[in-house]
Amino acid sequence: MTEKTSNYDNDSTDSGKTSNTELIYRYTESLLKSQSDSLNRLDTKISGFLAFTGVLVRFVGELSGQITVGGYICYSCTLLQFLAYVSLGASALILCLGLTSGLRGRVISPKALMEDKWYFADRSDISEYIISGWIDAEKEYKRLGFEKGRKLNIAVWLIAISIVSITLSALIKTIWGN
């Protein structure tokens, strides 16, 4: 009877391990998909702001740099145009860097899973092995998301500076320009 109880305990432990492994596997898989989707949305936003930056660069190029106020040359519009160009250039560079960063985390190759060691292993052991690789990928997704978000925020502030510069330049020209 002691032997049966021992077998029963082993069976319940194994099935508990399997069900927990499956739960962790599904959760981790879902988490990674969610983080991947989030990174894709960030890339889409970055691409949109990069296109908007290009449009603004063209717009800044059409602004006049010098105006005369009361017969004197006013260089404030030139300075504001320069500030707009620098802000947009820095923004474009940061946005491009946000698009070029890629994953460097550990990925478990399907070829490795086809080797005898894993092909004939217990399902929960294989799931645990895959999960261990996903843990590294999850950390990498989190880091990448933070970096992309930070770059996007900096770029948006730089675009805002350029828009303010463009607006001030237009106002100066409208109010005091000839």
Protein backbone atom coordinates (compact mmCIF):
# COMPACT_ATOMS: atom_id res chain seq x y z
CA MET A 1 0.00 0.00 0.00
CA THR A 2 2.86 2.34 0.69
CA GLU A 3 4.12 1.67 -2.81
CA LYS A 4 0.77 2.66 -4.38
CA THR A 5 0.63 5.87 -2.37
CA SER A 6 4.14 6.66 -3.52
CA ASN A 7 3.17 6.05 -7.16
CA TYR A 8 0.04 8.13 -6.71
CA ASP A 9 2.10 10.99 -5.29
CA ASN A 10 4.55 10.77 -8.18
CA ASP A 11 1.73 10.78 -10.72
CA SER A 12 0.07 13.81 -9.18
CA THR A 13 3.40 15.64 -9.03
CA ASP A 14 4.15 14.84 -12.66
CA SER A 15 0.71 15.87 -13.86
CA GLY A 16 0.94 19.05 -11.76
CA LYS A 17 4.32 19.77 -13.28
CA THR A 18 2.96 19.16 -16.78
CA SER A 19 -0.11 21.33 -16.31
CA ASN A 20 1.95 24.13 -14.76
CA THR A 21 4.49 23.87 -17.55
CA GLU A 22 1.72 24.11 -20.13
CA LEU A 23 0.23 27.09 -18.33
CA ILE A 24 3.61 28.85 -18.15
CA TYR A 25 4.27 27.96 -21.79
CA ARG A 26 0.95 29.44 -22.99
CA TYR A 27 1.36 32.52 -20.81
CA THR A 28 4.92 33.16 -21.99
CA GLU A 29 3.93 32.60 -25.62
CA SER A 30 1.07 35.09 -25.22
CA LEU A 31 3.32 37.61 -23.46
CA LEU A 32 5.93 37.43 -26.22
CA LYS A 33 3.28 37.87 -28.90
CA SER A 34 1.92 40.90 -27.06
CA GLN A 35 5.40 42.41 -26.74
CA SER A 36 6.14 41.70 -30.40
CA ASP A 37 2.90 43.42 -31.41
CA SER A 38 3.82 46.37 -29.21
CA LEU A 39 7.22 46.64 -30.91
CA ASN A 40 5.52 46.53 -34.31
CA ARG A 41 3.21 49.37 -33.28
CA LEU A 42 6.21 51.40 -32.09
CA ASP A 43 7.93 50.79 -35.44
CA THR A 44 4.80 52.01 -37.24
CA LYS A 45 4.72 55.18 -35.13
CA ILE A 46 8.43 55.77 -35.68
CA SER A 47 7.97 55.35 -39.45
CA GLY A 48 5.07 57.82 -39.45
CA PHE A 49 7.06 60.43 -37.55
CA LEU A 50 10.03 59.89 -39.85
CA ALA A 51 7.81 60.63 -42.86
CA PHE A 52 6.41 63.71 -41.09
CA THR A 53 9.96 64.88 -40.39
CA GLY A 54 10.74 64.64 -44.11
CA VAL A 55 7.72 66.79 -44.93
CA LEU A 56 8.78 69.37 -42.34
CA VAL A 57 12.32 69.53 -43.77
CA ARG A 58 10.86 70.39 -47.15
CA PHE A 59 8.61 73.01 -45.54
CA VAL A 60 11.52 74.62 -43.66
CA GLY A 61 13.44 74.84 -46.94
CA GLU A 62 10.68 77.01 -48.38
CA LEU A 63 10.84 79.56 -45.52
CA SER A 64 12.73 82.75 -46.16
CA GLY A 65 15.75 83.16 -43.92
CA GLN A 66 16.18 86.91 -43.91
CA ILE A 67 13.73 89.71 -43.47
CA THR A 68 14.23 93.42 -43.00
CA VAL A 69 12.62 95.25 -40.13
CA GLY A 70 12.74 99.03 -40.40
CA GLY A 71 15.52 98.86 -42.97
CA TYR A 72 17.69 96.56 -40.83
CA ILE A 73 18.34 92.91 -41.63
CA CYS A 74 16.85 90.63 -39.00
CA TYR A 75 18.67 87.34 -38.64
CA SER A 76 16.19 85.80 -36.18
CA CYS A 77 14.38 83.96 -38.99
CA THR A 78 17.68 82.53 -40.20
CA LEU A 79 18.50 81.43 -36.67
CA LEU A 80 15.05 79.86 -36.26
CA GLN A 81 15.36 78.13 -39.64
CA PHE A 82 18.76 76.77 -38.58
CA LEU A 83 17.28 75.54 -35.28
CA ALA A 84 14.43 73.85 -37.17
CA TYR A 85 16.89 72.10 -39.52
CA VAL A 86 19.07 70.89 -36.65
CA SER A 87 16.05 69.65 -34.67
CA LEU A 88 14.60 67.84 -37.67
CA GLY A 89 17.94 66.32 -38.62
CA ALA A 90 18.52 65.05 -35.08
CA SER A 91 14.94 63.75 -34.97
CA ALA A 92 15.36 61.90 -38.28
CA LEU A 93 18.62 60.34 -37.07
CA ILE A 94 17.07 59.18 -33.80
CA LEU A 95 14.01 57.79 -35.61
CA CYS A 96 16.23 55.88 -38.05
CA LEU A 97 18.20 54.43 -35.15
CA GLY A 98 14.89 53.39 -33.57
CA LEU A 99 14.00 51.45 -36.70
CA THR A 100 17.36 49.72 -37.10
CA SER A 101 17.67 48.12 -33.65
CA GLY A 102 16.92 44.44 -33.69
CA LEU A 103 16.63 41.47 -31.35
CA ARG A 104 19.79 39.92 -30.04
CA GLY A 105 18.22 37.46 -27.61
CA ARG A 106 18.71 33.72 -27.56
CA VAL A 107 16.41 31.78 -29.86
CA ILE A 108 16.12 28.02 -29.66
CA SER A 109 16.48 26.53 -33.10
CA PRO A 110 13.87 24.01 -34.32
CA LYS A 111 16.83 22.01 -35.61
CA ALA A 112 18.10 21.65 -32.02
CA LEU A 113 14.67 20.42 -30.93
CA MET A 114 14.79 17.73 -33.65
CA GLU A 115 17.93 16.19 -32.14
CA ASP A 116 17.38 12.90 -30.28
CA LYS A 117 17.98 14.53 -26.90
CA TRP A 118 14.90 16.76 -27.26
CA TYR A 119 12.87 14.85 -29.86
CA PHE A 120 12.33 11.93 -27.50
CA ALA A 121 12.27 13.97 -24.29
CA ASP A 122 9.21 14.47 -22.11
CA ARG A 123 6.87 17.19 -23.40
CA SER A 124 7.16 19.24 -20.20
CA ASP A 125 10.98 19.14 -20.40
CA ILE A 126 10.87 20.44 -23.97
CA SER A 127 8.43 23.15 -22.94
CA GLU A 128 10.72 24.15 -20.05
CA TYR A 129 13.67 24.34 -22.44
CA ILE A 130 11.72 26.55 -24.85
CA ILE A 131 10.47 28.72 -21.98
CA SER A 132 14.05 29.24 -20.79
CA GLY A 133 14.89 30.65 -24.22
CA TRP A 134 11.78 32.81 -24.19
CA ILE A 135 12.79 34.31 -20.84
CA ASP A 136 15.83 35.84 -22.57
CA ALA A 137 13.68 36.97 -25.50
CA GLU A 138 11.17 38.60 -23.11
CA LYS A 139 13.96 40.59 -21.45
CA GLU A 140 15.19 41.66 -24.88
CA TYR A 141 11.68 42.69 -26.00
CA LYS A 142 11.25 44.76 -22.85
CA ARG A 143 14.63 46.46 -23.35
CA LEU A 144 13.93 47.09 -27.04
CA GLY A 145 10.49 48.50 -26.30
CA PHE A 146 11.95 50.87 -23.73
CA GLU A 147 14.70 52.01 -26.12
CA LYS A 148 12.32 52.51 -29.05
CA GLY A 149 9.84 54.38 -26.86
CA ARG A 150 12.59 56.62 -25.48
CA LYS A 151 13.88 57.38 -28.97
CA LEU A 152 10.38 58.14 -30.20
CA ASN A 153 9.77 60.52 -27.28
CA ILE A 154 13.03 62.37 -27.88
CA ALA A 155 12.27 62.64 -31.60
CA VAL A 156 8.78 64.00 -30.90
CA TRP A 157 10.26 66.70 -28.66
CA LEU A 158 12.76 67.62 -31.37
CA ILE A 159 9.96 67.81 -33.93
CA ALA A 160 8.03 70.04 -31.50
CA ILE A 161 11.05 72.35 -31.22
CA SER A 162 11.25 72.58 -35.00
CA ILE A 163 7.51 73.30 -35.29
CA VAL A 164 7.81 76.09 -32.71
CA SER A 165 10.80 77.48 -34.64
CA ILE A 166 8.86 77.37 -37.91
CA THR A 167 5.86 79.05 -36.29
CA LEU A 168 7.96 81.81 -34.72
CA SER A 169 9.72 82.42 -38.00
CA ALA A 170 6.40 82.69 -39.82
CA LEU A 171 5.04 85.04 -37.16
CA ILE A 172 8.08 87.31 -37.32
CA LYS A 173 7.86 87.45 -41.08
CA THR A 174 4.10 88.09 -40.98
CA ILE A 175 4.27 90.82 -38.32
CA TRP A 176 7.52 92.61 -39.18
CA GLY A 177 8.43 91.33 -42.60
CA ASN A 178 8.20 93.32 -45.78
